[in-house]
N, C-alpha and C. Protein backbone atom coordinates (compact mmCIF):
# COMPACT_ATOMS: atom_id res chain seq x y z
N MET A 1 0.68 -1.09 0.16
CA MET A 1 0.43 0.15 0.35
C MET A 1 0.16 1.61 0.06
N GLY A 2 2.07 1.59 0.50
CA GLY A 2 3.09 2.73 0.16
C GLY A 2 3.67 2.99 -0.22
N LEU A 3 3.50 1.98 -1.66
CA LEU A 3 4.16 2.18 -2.69
C LEU A 3 3.56 2.97 -3.22
N PHE A 4 1.45 2.62 -3.75
CA PHE A 4 0.95 2.80 -4.48
C PHE A 4 -0.05 4.08 -3.84
N GLU A 5 0.50 4.22 -2.53
CA GLU A 5 0.24 5.90 -2.05
C GLU A 5 0.92 7.13 -2.45
N ASP A 6 2.37 6.80 -2.25
CA ASP A 6 4.00 7.70 -3.06
C ASP A 6 3.53 7.65 -4.32
N VAL A 7 2.94 6.72 -5.20
CA VAL A 7 3.15 6.76 -6.72
C VAL A 7 1.54 7.98 -6.90
N THR A 8 0.77 8.05 -6.22
CA THR A 8 -0.40 8.55 -6.24
C THR A 8 -0.47 10.00 -5.11
N ARG A 9 0.42 10.22 -4.33
CA ARG A 9 0.55 11.46 -3.93
C ARG A 9 1.43 11.63 -4.70
N PHE A 10 2.74 11.84 -5.32
CA PHE A 10 3.40 12.23 -6.39
C PHE A 10 2.57 12.64 -8.17
N LEU A 11 2.15 12.33 -8.05
CA LEU A 11 0.99 12.42 -9.40
C LEU A 11 0.16 13.48 -9.08
N GLU A 12 0.02 13.35 -7.48
CA GLU A 12 -1.08 14.78 -7.65
C GLU A 12 -0.29 15.76 -7.46
N GLU A 13 1.35 16.02 -7.04
CA GLU A 13 1.40 17.00 -6.61
C GLU A 13 1.65 17.33 -8.31
N ARG A 14 2.58 16.56 -8.70
CA ARG A 14 2.62 17.01 -10.08
C ARG A 14 1.17 17.79 -11.11
N LEU A 15 0.21 16.57 -10.79
CA LEU A 15 -1.10 17.40 -11.73
C LEU A 15 -1.95 18.92 -10.71
N ASP A 16 -1.17 19.66 -9.49
CA ASP A 16 -1.60 20.39 -9.04
C ASP A 16 -0.19 21.34 -9.59
N GLU A 17 0.76 20.89 -9.49
CA GLU A 17 2.18 21.71 -10.18
C GLU A 17 1.87 22.29 -11.16
N PHE A 18 1.42 21.41 -12.32
CA PHE A 18 0.89 21.62 -13.72
C PHE A 18 -0.16 22.20 -13.45
N LEU A 19 -0.81 22.01 -12.96
CA LEU A 19 -2.51 23.36 -13.22
C LEU A 19 -1.97 24.96 -12.60
N LYS A 20 -1.21 24.77 -11.60
CA LYS A 20 -0.25 25.89 -10.25
C LYS A 20 0.05 26.85 -12.12
N ASN A 21 0.89 25.76 -12.63
CA ASN A 21 1.96 26.91 -13.89
C ASN A 21 0.68 26.43 -14.90
N ASN A 22 -0.27 26.87 -15.20
CA ASN A 22 -0.96 26.56 -16.60
C ASN A 22 -2.91 27.12 -15.65
N PRO A 23 -3.07 28.05 -15.37
CA PRO A 23 -4.53 28.22 -15.03
C PRO A 23 -5.27 28.20 -15.63
N HIS A 24 -5.50 28.05 -17.01
CA HIS A 24 -6.23 28.37 -17.84
C HIS A 24 -6.86 26.98 -17.97
N LEU A 25 -6.09 25.78 -18.17
CA LEU A 25 -6.44 24.19 -17.80
C LEU A 25 -7.34 23.94 -16.06
N GLU A 26 -6.92 24.97 -15.12
CA GLU A 26 -7.76 24.17 -14.18
C GLU A 26 -8.99 25.28 -14.50
N LEU A 27 -9.10 26.95 -15.00
CA LEU A 27 -10.24 27.37 -15.49
C LEU A 27 -11.40 26.07 -15.80
N GLN A 28 -10.68 25.38 -16.87
CA GLN A 28 -11.33 24.92 -17.82
C GLN A 28 -11.73 23.37 -16.98
N ALA A 29 -10.47 22.96 -16.23
CA ALA A 29 -11.52 21.79 -15.16
C ALA A 29 -12.58 22.57 -13.70
N LEU A 30 -12.35 23.90 -13.50
CA LEU A 30 -13.14 24.23 -12.40
C LEU A 30 -14.78 24.39 -13.52
N LEU A 31 -14.22 25.11 -14.90
CA LEU A 31 -16.10 24.97 -16.20
C LEU A 31 -16.62 24.23 -16.57
N GLU A 32 -16.21 22.68 -16.35
CA GLU A 32 -16.75 21.43 -16.27
C GLU A 32 -17.30 21.21 -15.42
N GLN A 33 -16.49 21.67 -14.20
CA GLN A 33 -17.14 20.85 -12.45
C GLN A 33 -18.82 21.39 -12.71
N VAL A 34 -18.29 22.77 -13.40
CA VAL A 34 -19.43 24.17 -13.18
C VAL A 34 -20.69 23.52 -13.96
N ARG A 35 -20.52 23.26 -15.41
CA ARG A 35 -21.20 22.01 -16.14
C ARG A 35 -21.89 20.96 -15.46
N GLU A 36 -20.90 20.58 -15.21
CA GLU A 36 -21.95 19.29 -14.43
C GLU A 36 -22.82 19.13 -13.35
N GLN A 37 -22.67 20.83 -12.89
CA GLN A 37 -23.42 20.79 -11.25
C GLN A 37 -24.31 21.72 -11.98
N GLU A 38 -24.60 21.83 -13.04
CA GLU A 38 -25.78 22.84 -13.73
C GLU A 38 -26.51 21.24 -14.37
N GLN A 39 -25.55 20.67 -15.11
CA GLN A 39 -26.90 19.88 -15.00
C GLN A 39 -27.70 18.92 -14.49
N ASP A 40 -26.10 18.71 -13.37
CA ASP A 40 -27.40 18.11 -12.26
C ASP A 40 -28.57 18.53 -11.34
N THR A 41 -28.53 19.90 -11.35
CA THR A 41 -29.65 20.73 -10.67
C THR A 41 -29.96 20.28 -12.09
N THR A 42 -30.27 20.95 -13.13
CA THR A 42 -31.72 20.74 -13.74
C THR A 42 -32.07 19.75 -14.02
N ARG A 43 -31.25 18.78 -13.17
CA ARG A 43 -32.46 16.56 -13.30
C ARG A 43 -33.04 17.20 -12.23
N LEU A 44 -32.65 17.42 -10.84
CA LEU A 44 -33.08 17.50 -9.87
C LEU A 44 -34.37 18.18 -10.55
N ILE A 45 -34.50 19.23 -10.92
CA ILE A 45 -35.37 20.18 -10.69
C ILE A 45 -36.70 19.42 -11.72
N ARG A 46 -35.77 18.95 -12.80
CA ARG A 46 -37.28 18.52 -13.15
C ARG A 46 -37.95 17.44 -12.54
N GLU A 47 -36.81 16.15 -11.98
CA GLU A 47 -37.12 15.62 -10.48
C GLU A 47 -38.23 15.87 -9.84
N LEU A 48 -38.08 16.73 -9.63
CA LEU A 48 -38.81 17.90 -8.10
C LEU A 48 -41.00 18.11 -8.89
N GLU A 49 -39.81 18.62 -9.97
CA GLU A 49 -41.52 18.53 -11.02
C GLU A 49 -42.60 17.86 -11.21
N SER A 50 -41.32 16.66 -11.73
CA SER A 50 -42.06 15.57 -11.79
C SER A 50 -42.83 14.88 -10.28
N GLU A 51 -42.43 14.94 -8.83
CA GLU A 51 -42.49 14.89 -7.85
C GLU A 51 -43.92 15.45 -7.37
N LYS A 52 -43.95 16.92 -7.81
CA LYS A 52 -44.86 17.65 -7.58
C LYS A 52 -45.92 17.27 -8.24
N GLN A 53 -46.34 17.39 -9.74
CA GLN A 53 -47.35 17.08 -10.14
C GLN A 53 -47.93 15.95 -9.88
N ARG A 54 -46.86 14.34 -9.51
CA ARG A 54 -47.04 13.32 -8.95
C ARG A 54 -48.34 13.51 -7.62
N LEU A 55 -47.32 13.88 -6.64
CA LEU A 55 -48.15 14.40 -6.01
C LEU A 55 -49.98 15.33 -5.79
N GLU A 56 -49.89 16.56 -6.64
CA GLU A 56 -50.76 17.34 -7.09
C GLU A 56 -52.13 16.37 -6.80
N GLN A 57 -52.02 15.29 -8.29
CA GLN A 57 -52.68 14.05 -8.93
C GLN A 57 -53.21 13.47 -7.24
N GLN A 58 -52.17 12.92 -6.80
CA GLN A 58 -52.83 12.17 -5.71
C GLN A 58 -54.00 12.72 -4.79
N ILE A 59 -53.22 14.10 -3.83
CA ILE A 59 -54.44 14.95 -3.77
C ILE A 59 -55.86 15.40 -4.28
N LEU A 60 -55.85 15.34 -5.69
CA LEU A 60 -56.82 15.59 -6.39
C LEU A 60 -57.83 14.30 -6.44
N ALA A 61 -57.18 13.28 -6.57
CA ALA A 61 -57.29 12.30 -6.64
C ALA A 61 -58.38 11.33 -4.85
N LEU A 62 -57.58 11.99 -4.09
CA LEU A 62 -57.74 11.68 -2.85
C LEU A 62 -59.11 13.27 -2.43
N ALA A 63 -59.51 14.09 -2.92
CA ALA A 63 -60.28 14.96 -2.83
C ALA A 63 -61.66 14.39 -3.43
N GLN A 64 -61.74 13.47 -4.26
CA GLN A 64 -63.01 13.39 -4.56
C GLN A 64 -62.94 12.03 -3.73
N GLU A 65 -61.94 11.67 -3.46
CA GLU A 65 -62.93 10.40 -2.32
C GLU A 65 -62.99 11.07 -1.12
N ILE A 66 -62.59 11.89 -0.96
CA ILE A 66 -63.07 12.48 0.31
C ILE A 66 -64.58 12.82 0.08
N GLN A 67 -64.95 13.36 -1.08
CA GLN A 67 -66.40 14.07 -1.01
C GLN A 67 -66.89 12.96 -1.18
N THR A 68 -66.89 11.97 -1.46
CA THR A 68 -67.78 11.02 -2.29
C THR A 68 -68.23 10.12 -0.40
N TRP A 69 -67.00 9.98 0.54
CA TRP A 69 -67.72 9.67 2.00
C TRP A 69 -67.86 10.26 2.51
N HIS A 70 -67.76 12.07 2.56
CA HIS A 70 -68.61 12.98 3.18
C HIS A 70 -70.25 13.04 2.30
N GLY A 71 -70.48 12.78 1.40
CA GLY A 71 -71.70 12.40 0.89
C GLY A 71 -72.50 10.89 1.39
N ARG A 72 -71.37 9.98 1.65
CA ARG A 72 -71.95 8.88 2.19
C ARG A 72 -72.07 9.02 3.68
N VAL A 73 -71.24 10.05 4.19
CA VAL A 73 -71.82 10.43 5.89
C VAL A 73 -73.52 10.87 5.66
N ASN A 74 -73.61 11.57 5.20
CA ASN A 74 -74.79 12.72 4.67
C ASN A 74 -75.96 11.58 3.99
N LYS A 75 -75.46 10.93 3.72
CA LYS A 75 -76.48 10.03 3.48
C LYS A 75 -77.02 8.95 4.27
N ALA A 76 -76.44 8.31 5.21
CA ALA A 76 -76.33 7.17 6.13
C ALA A 76 -76.97 7.68 7.46
N LYS A 77 -76.67 9.03 7.59
CA LYS A 77 -77.34 9.82 8.83
C LYS A 77 -78.62 10.07 8.23
N SER A 78 -79.17 10.27 7.03
CA SER A 78 -80.60 10.48 6.53
C SER A 78 -81.03 9.11 6.55
N ALA A 79 -80.72 8.66 5.98
CA ALA A 79 -81.91 7.12 6.26
C ALA A 79 -81.93 6.43 7.71
N GLY A 80 -80.84 7.03 9.06
CA GLY A 80 -80.84 6.56 9.98
C GLY A 80 -79.76 4.87 10.40
N ARG A 81 -79.04 4.88 9.50
CA ARG A 81 -78.04 4.43 9.53
C ARG A 81 -76.42 5.19 9.99
N LEU A 82 -76.67 5.09 11.19
CA LEU A 82 -75.63 5.76 12.23
C LEU A 82 -74.42 4.75 12.40
N ASP A 83 -74.64 3.41 12.27
CA ASP A 83 -73.32 2.63 12.32
C ASP A 83 -72.37 2.66 10.77
N LEU A 84 -73.27 2.81 10.04
CA LEU A 84 -72.50 3.43 8.33
C LEU A 84 -71.65 5.12 8.60
N ALA A 85 -73.32 5.52 8.93
CA ALA A 85 -72.08 6.55 9.57
C ALA A 85 -71.33 6.88 10.15
N GLU A 86 -70.91 6.49 11.24
CA GLU A 86 -69.56 6.64 11.89
C GLU A 86 -68.99 5.82 11.20
N ALA A 87 -69.02 4.64 10.81
CA ALA A 87 -67.80 3.68 10.31
C ALA A 87 -67.51 5.19 8.41
N ALA A 88 -68.36 5.50 8.33
CA ALA A 88 -67.96 6.79 6.80
C ALA A 88 -67.13 7.69 7.50
N GLN A 89 -67.51 8.29 8.17
CA GLN A 89 -66.89 9.73 9.17
C GLN A 89 -64.95 8.98 9.68
N GLU A 90 -64.89 8.27 9.71
CA GLU A 90 -63.84 6.96 10.00
C GLU A 90 -62.82 7.21 9.01
N ARG A 91 -63.86 6.89 7.79
CA ARG A 91 -63.14 6.19 6.45
C ARG A 91 -62.40 8.07 6.17
N GLU A 92 -63.08 9.01 6.12
CA GLU A 92 -63.16 10.47 5.76
C GLU A 92 -62.44 11.30 6.74
N ALA A 93 -62.21 10.88 7.74
CA ALA A 93 -61.34 11.10 8.46
C ALA A 93 -59.55 10.65 8.70
N ALA A 94 -59.96 9.57 8.29
CA ALA A 94 -58.15 8.52 7.63
C ALA A 94 -58.21 9.47 6.36
N LEU A 95 -58.69 9.67 5.86
CA LEU A 95 -58.51 10.42 4.15
C LEU A 95 -57.94 11.82 4.30
N LEU A 96 -58.95 12.27 5.35
CA LEU A 96 -58.31 14.13 5.31
C LEU A 96 -56.68 13.74 6.15
N ARG A 97 -56.78 12.95 7.12
CA ARG A 97 -55.15 12.36 7.68
C ARG A 97 -54.03 12.16 6.20
N GLN A 98 -54.33 11.12 5.62
CA GLN A 98 -53.82 11.23 4.24
C GLN A 98 -53.23 12.74 3.37
N GLY A 99 -54.73 13.19 3.05
CA GLY A 99 -54.36 14.23 2.51
C GLY A 99 -53.73 15.36 3.09
N ASN A 100 -53.35 15.30 4.18
CA ASN A 100 -52.47 16.58 4.78
C ASN A 100 -51.44 15.79 4.88
N GLN A 101 -50.98 14.73 5.19
CA GLN A 101 -49.52 14.21 4.40
C GLN A 101 -48.84 14.75 3.37
N LEU A 102 -49.81 14.59 2.70
CA LEU A 102 -49.80 14.50 0.87
C LEU A 102 -49.34 15.74 0.78
N TRP A 103 -50.02 17.00 1.31
CA TRP A 103 -50.30 18.16 0.87
C TRP A 103 -48.84 18.90 1.30
N GLY A 104 -48.25 18.30 2.61
CA GLY A 104 -47.09 18.41 3.78
C GLY A 104 -45.82 18.21 2.32
N GLN A 105 -45.91 16.54 2.28
CA GLN A 105 -44.77 16.93 0.79
C GLN A 105 -45.00 16.89 -0.31
N MET A 106 -46.44 17.73 -0.90
CA MET A 106 -46.24 18.10 -2.03
C MET A 106 -45.04 19.99 -1.27
N GLN A 107 -46.11 20.71 -0.63
CA GLN A 107 -45.31 21.68 0.24
C GLN A 107 -43.39 21.77 -0.05
N GLY A 108 -42.75 20.74 0.78
CA GLY A 108 -41.96 20.29 0.73
C GLY A 108 -41.06 20.03 -0.48
N ALA A 109 -42.17 19.84 -1.68
CA ALA A 109 -41.40 19.82 -2.64
C ALA A 109 -41.21 20.91 -3.18
N ASN A 110 -42.16 21.56 -3.26
CA ASN A 110 -41.94 23.01 -3.86
C ASN A 110 -41.34 23.44 -3.14
N LYS A 111 -40.59 23.35 -2.20
CA LYS A 111 -39.45 24.28 -1.19
C LYS A 111 -38.45 24.07 -2.12
N ARG A 112 -37.95 22.90 -2.07
CA ARG A 112 -37.26 22.00 -2.45
C ARG A 112 -37.17 23.20 -3.64
N LEU A 113 -37.92 22.46 -5.09
CA LEU A 113 -38.25 23.56 -6.15
C LEU A 113 -37.40 24.59 -6.31
N THR A 114 -38.26 25.38 -5.71
CA THR A 114 -37.99 26.87 -5.38
C THR A 114 -35.97 27.07 -4.87
N GLN A 115 -35.90 26.81 -3.96
CA GLN A 115 -34.25 26.18 -3.71
C GLN A 115 -33.08 25.60 -4.88
N SER A 116 -33.88 25.17 -5.80
CA SER A 116 -33.33 24.09 -6.67
C SER A 116 -32.58 25.22 -8.03
N GLN A 117 -34.19 25.96 -8.07
CA GLN A 117 -34.13 26.88 -8.68
C GLN A 117 -33.16 28.03 -8.61
N GLU A 118 -33.00 28.67 -7.06
CA GLU A 118 -32.01 29.26 -6.82
C GLU A 118 -30.63 28.85 -7.31
N LEU A 119 -30.52 27.66 -7.22
CA LEU A 119 -29.46 27.09 -7.10
C LEU A 119 -29.11 27.34 -8.64
N LEU A 120 -29.42 26.54 -9.23
CA LEU A 120 -29.24 26.60 -11.00
C LEU A 120 -29.01 28.06 -11.30
N ARG A 121 -30.10 29.11 -10.33
CA ARG A 121 -29.44 30.12 -11.37
C ARG A 121 -28.08 30.80 -11.02
N GLN A 122 -27.79 30.99 -9.08
CA GLN A 122 -26.59 30.64 -8.98
C GLN A 122 -25.60 30.72 -10.44
N ILE A 123 -25.22 28.87 -10.36
CA ILE A 123 -24.47 27.89 -11.14
C ILE A 123 -24.29 28.51 -11.91
N GLN A 124 -25.55 28.86 -12.85
CA GLN A 124 -25.49 29.59 -13.98
C GLN A 124 -24.36 30.68 -13.86
N GLN A 125 -24.74 31.33 -12.92
CA GLN A 125 -23.89 32.99 -13.04
C GLN A 125 -22.71 32.56 -13.07
N ARG A 126 -22.37 31.85 -12.12
CA ARG A 126 -20.43 31.06 -11.83
C ARG A 126 -20.36 30.61 -12.74
N ARG A 127 -21.04 29.77 -13.65
CA ARG A 127 -20.32 29.25 -14.90
C ARG A 127 -19.87 30.55 -16.36
N LYS A 128 -20.69 31.54 -15.93
CA LYS A 128 -20.74 32.89 -16.91
C LYS A 128 -19.50 32.97 -16.44
N GLU A 129 -19.20 33.58 -14.86
CA GLU A 129 -17.82 33.87 -14.55
C GLU A 129 -16.70 33.53 -15.07
N VAL A 130 -17.14 31.91 -14.89
CA VAL A 130 -15.75 31.50 -14.75
C VAL A 130 -15.60 30.93 -16.08
N GLN A 131 -16.49 31.02 -17.17
CA GLN A 131 -16.26 31.13 -18.97
C GLN A 131 -15.55 32.11 -18.62
N ALA A 132 -15.94 33.65 -18.28
CA ALA A 132 -15.20 34.88 -19.16
C ALA A 132 -13.88 34.55 -18.64
N LYS A 133 -13.05 34.47 -17.28
CA LYS A 133 -11.96 34.07 -16.97
C LYS A 133 -11.42 32.61 -17.45
N ALA A 134 -11.65 31.54 -17.78
CA ALA A 134 -10.98 30.40 -18.80
C ALA A 134 -10.87 31.81 -20.04
N ALA A 135 -11.77 32.20 -21.04
CA ALA A 135 -11.33 32.43 -21.70
C ALA A 135 -10.04 34.11 -21.72
N GLN A 136 -10.07 35.07 -20.69
CA GLN A 136 -9.49 35.74 -20.46
C GLN A 136 -7.92 34.85 -20.57
N ALA A 137 -7.90 33.71 -19.92
CA ALA A 137 -6.40 32.77 -19.72
C ALA A 137 -6.23 32.19 -20.49
N GLN A 138 -7.42 31.78 -21.58
CA GLN A 138 -6.86 31.15 -22.76
C GLN A 138 -6.24 31.89 -23.72
N ALA A 139 -6.19 33.12 -24.36
CA ALA A 139 -6.49 33.79 -24.49
C ALA A 139 -4.61 34.82 -25.06
N SER A 140 -4.87 35.31 -22.91
CA SER A 140 -3.02 35.30 -22.65
C SER A 140 -2.64 33.58 -22.72
N SER A 141 -2.12 32.01 -22.99
CA SER A 141 -1.63 31.13 -22.79
C SER A 141 -1.57 30.63 -23.75
N THR A 142 -2.18 31.52 -25.04
CA THR A 142 -1.86 30.96 -26.65
C THR A 142 -0.53 30.84 -27.35
N SER A 143 -0.66 32.17 -26.74
CA SER A 143 1.21 32.36 -27.16
C SER A 143 2.02 31.73 -26.72
N ASN A 144 1.97 31.05 -25.24
CA ASN A 144 2.54 30.12 -24.91
C ASN A 144 3.03 28.79 -25.19
N GLY A 145 1.80 28.01 -25.91
CA GLY A 145 1.59 27.05 -26.46
C GLY A 145 2.05 25.37 -26.08
N ASP A 146 2.48 25.84 -24.80
CA ASP A 146 3.00 24.65 -23.78
C ASP A 146 2.25 23.73 -23.69
N THR A 147 0.85 23.99 -23.72
CA THR A 147 -0.36 22.78 -23.42
C THR A 147 -1.21 22.43 -24.16
N LYS A 148 -0.33 22.68 -25.07
CA LYS A 148 -1.58 22.19 -26.69
C LYS A 148 -1.50 20.97 -26.72
N GLY A 149 -1.28 19.74 -26.49
CA GLY A 149 -1.56 18.66 -26.36
C GLY A 149 -2.84 18.27 -25.15
N TRP A 150 -3.01 18.99 -24.12
CA TRP A 150 -3.88 19.03 -22.77
C TRP A 150 -5.05 19.17 -23.73
N ASN A 151 -5.03 20.06 -24.38
CA ASN A 151 -6.80 20.54 -24.81
C ASN A 151 -7.67 19.32 -26.01
N GLN A 152 -5.92 18.54 -26.47
CA GLN A 152 -6.28 17.96 -27.65
C GLN A 152 -7.74 16.42 -27.01
N GLY A 153 -8.18 15.76 -28.30
CA GLY A 153 -8.80 14.84 -27.71
C GLY A 153 -7.79 13.97 -27.32
N SER A 154 -8.93 12.32 -26.80
CA SER A 154 -7.81 11.37 -26.10
C SER A 154 -9.08 10.46 -26.58
N THR A 155 -7.71 9.10 -26.90
CA THR A 155 -8.52 7.81 -27.11
C THR A 155 -8.53 7.23 -25.78
N TYR A 156 -8.74 7.85 -24.48
CA TYR A 156 -8.73 7.11 -23.73
C TYR A 156 -9.93 7.22 -23.17
N LYS A 157 -10.56 5.92 -22.24
CA LYS A 157 -12.00 5.86 -21.94
C LYS A 157 -12.53 5.73 -20.63
N SER A 158 -12.35 6.98 -20.46
CA SER A 158 -12.93 7.72 -18.79
C SER A 158 -14.23 6.49 -18.17
N TYR A 159 -13.71 7.17 -17.27
CA TYR A 159 -15.22 6.04 -16.03
C TYR A 159 -16.30 6.59 -16.61
N ASN A 160 -17.71 6.27 -16.65
CA ASN A 160 -19.05 6.16 -17.37
C ASN A 160 -19.77 6.82 -16.15
N LYS A 161 -19.52 8.63 -16.25
CA LYS A 161 -20.41 9.19 -14.94
C LYS A 161 -22.36 8.90 -14.46
N ALA A 162 -22.22 8.40 -16.15
CA ALA A 162 -23.66 8.49 -15.95
C ALA A 162 -24.66 7.27 -15.51
N THR A 163 -23.45 6.17 -15.69
CA THR A 163 -24.38 5.35 -15.30
C THR A 163 -23.92 4.32 -13.90
N ASP A 164 -22.88 5.27 -13.70
CA ASP A 164 -21.86 4.84 -12.13
C ASP A 164 -23.47 4.98 -10.86
N PRO A 165 -23.83 4.46 -10.55
CA PRO A 165 -24.56 4.62 -9.19
C PRO A 165 -23.67 5.09 -8.04
N LEU A 166 -22.50 4.91 -7.75
CA LEU A 166 -22.57 5.76 -6.76
C LEU A 166 -22.46 7.34 -7.31
N GLU A 167 -21.42 7.41 -7.94
CA GLU A 167 -21.25 8.84 -8.87
C GLU A 167 -22.75 9.59 -8.17
N ALA A 168 -23.64 9.13 -8.74
CA ALA A 168 -25.41 9.39 -9.13
C ALA A 168 -26.03 9.83 -7.19
N GLU A 169 -25.26 8.98 -6.35
CA GLU A 169 -25.53 8.89 -4.86
C GLU A 169 -24.67 10.03 -4.45
N PHE A 170 -23.27 10.13 -5.10
CA PHE A 170 -22.74 11.48 -4.40
C PHE A 170 -23.42 12.60 -4.44
N GLN A 171 -24.04 12.39 -6.03
CA GLN A 171 -24.50 14.09 -6.55
C GLN A 171 -25.18 14.09 -6.09
N ARG A 172 -26.37 13.08 -5.77
CA ARG A 172 -27.93 13.53 -4.84
C ARG A 172 -27.40 14.47 -3.66
N TRP A 173 -26.41 13.89 -3.42
CA TRP A 173 -25.71 13.65 -2.05
C TRP A 173 -25.15 15.27 -1.34
N GLU A 174 -24.25 15.60 -2.53
CA GLU A 174 -23.51 17.20 -2.71
C GLU A 174 -24.56 17.70 -3.24
N ILE A 175 -26.05 17.83 -3.69
CA ILE A 175 -26.81 18.62 -4.45
C ILE A 175 -28.01 18.75 -2.83
N ASP A 176 -28.39 17.81 -2.24
CA ASP A 176 -28.76 18.07 -0.70
C ASP A 176 -28.10 19.07 0.10
N ASP A 177 -26.73 18.25 0.35
CA ASP A 177 -26.26 19.22 0.44
C ASP A 177 -26.17 20.76 0.27
N GLU A 178 -25.94 21.61 -1.24
CA GLU A 178 -26.39 22.28 -1.42
C GLU A 178 -27.18 23.41 -0.92
N LEU A 179 -28.63 22.36 -1.15
CA LEU A 179 -29.83 23.07 -1.04
C LEU A 179 -29.40 23.62 0.80
N GLU A 180 -29.29 22.78 1.70
CA GLU A 180 -28.72 23.10 2.65
C GLU A 180 -28.44 23.69 2.87
N ARG A 181 -27.05 24.05 2.66
CA ARG A 181 -26.65 25.59 3.10
C ARG A 181 -26.93 26.48 2.77
N ILE A 182 -27.56 26.93 1.12
CA ILE A 182 -28.21 27.83 0.25
C ILE A 182 -29.50 28.05 1.36
N LYS A 183 -30.42 27.22 2.34
CA LYS A 183 -31.55 26.91 2.83
C LYS A 183 -30.77 27.72 4.39
N ARG A 184 -30.01 27.46 4.67
CA ARG A 184 -29.51 28.44 6.01
C ARG A 184 -28.85 29.63 5.27
N ASN A 185 -28.63 29.78 4.43
CA ASN A 185 -28.34 31.16 3.90
C ASN A 185 -28.95 32.05 3.80
N LEU A 186 -30.71 31.00 3.55
CA LEU A 186 -31.73 32.60 2.43
C LEU A 186 -32.38 32.77 3.95
N SER A 187 -32.25 31.83 5.32
CA SER A 187 -32.90 32.28 6.84
C SER A 187 -32.57 33.07 7.49
């Protein structure tokens, strides 16, 4: 393990040194990271919008069911069937509790959606800033020509982030962490 750790540390130090000597490349890496965050946040917004729509549909269906049971309560009372009226009232109360839970979930989804949209605006602003800095650094480094190979394509096949479940889990965790940080800042 010691040799592997030494080699890893050596490579990390060389990469850090290289990026320090070529700040435009560091900005490009940062820009790529910001783009990924923007994509992840956009995907999160789509998921939250879908969740919100799903919850709204469940609430509407539940409201119709509550209305049906409310009518049954009245009908049973009118007919003198107090046993049925009581059972229908219990069902109506259970459905109302369920509706309150769904309403709370929808409010939470709305809040997370609003926070995610604000986060997306911040990320987009950050991307514009980094793009401007990267363009400026690229323009000043074109005369150097010492990083030409870095910017060219490679045949190396990298880790597939789109299908990696661990990557997806960390992205969700990082986005949730960022949302919590924004929530604390907004409070």
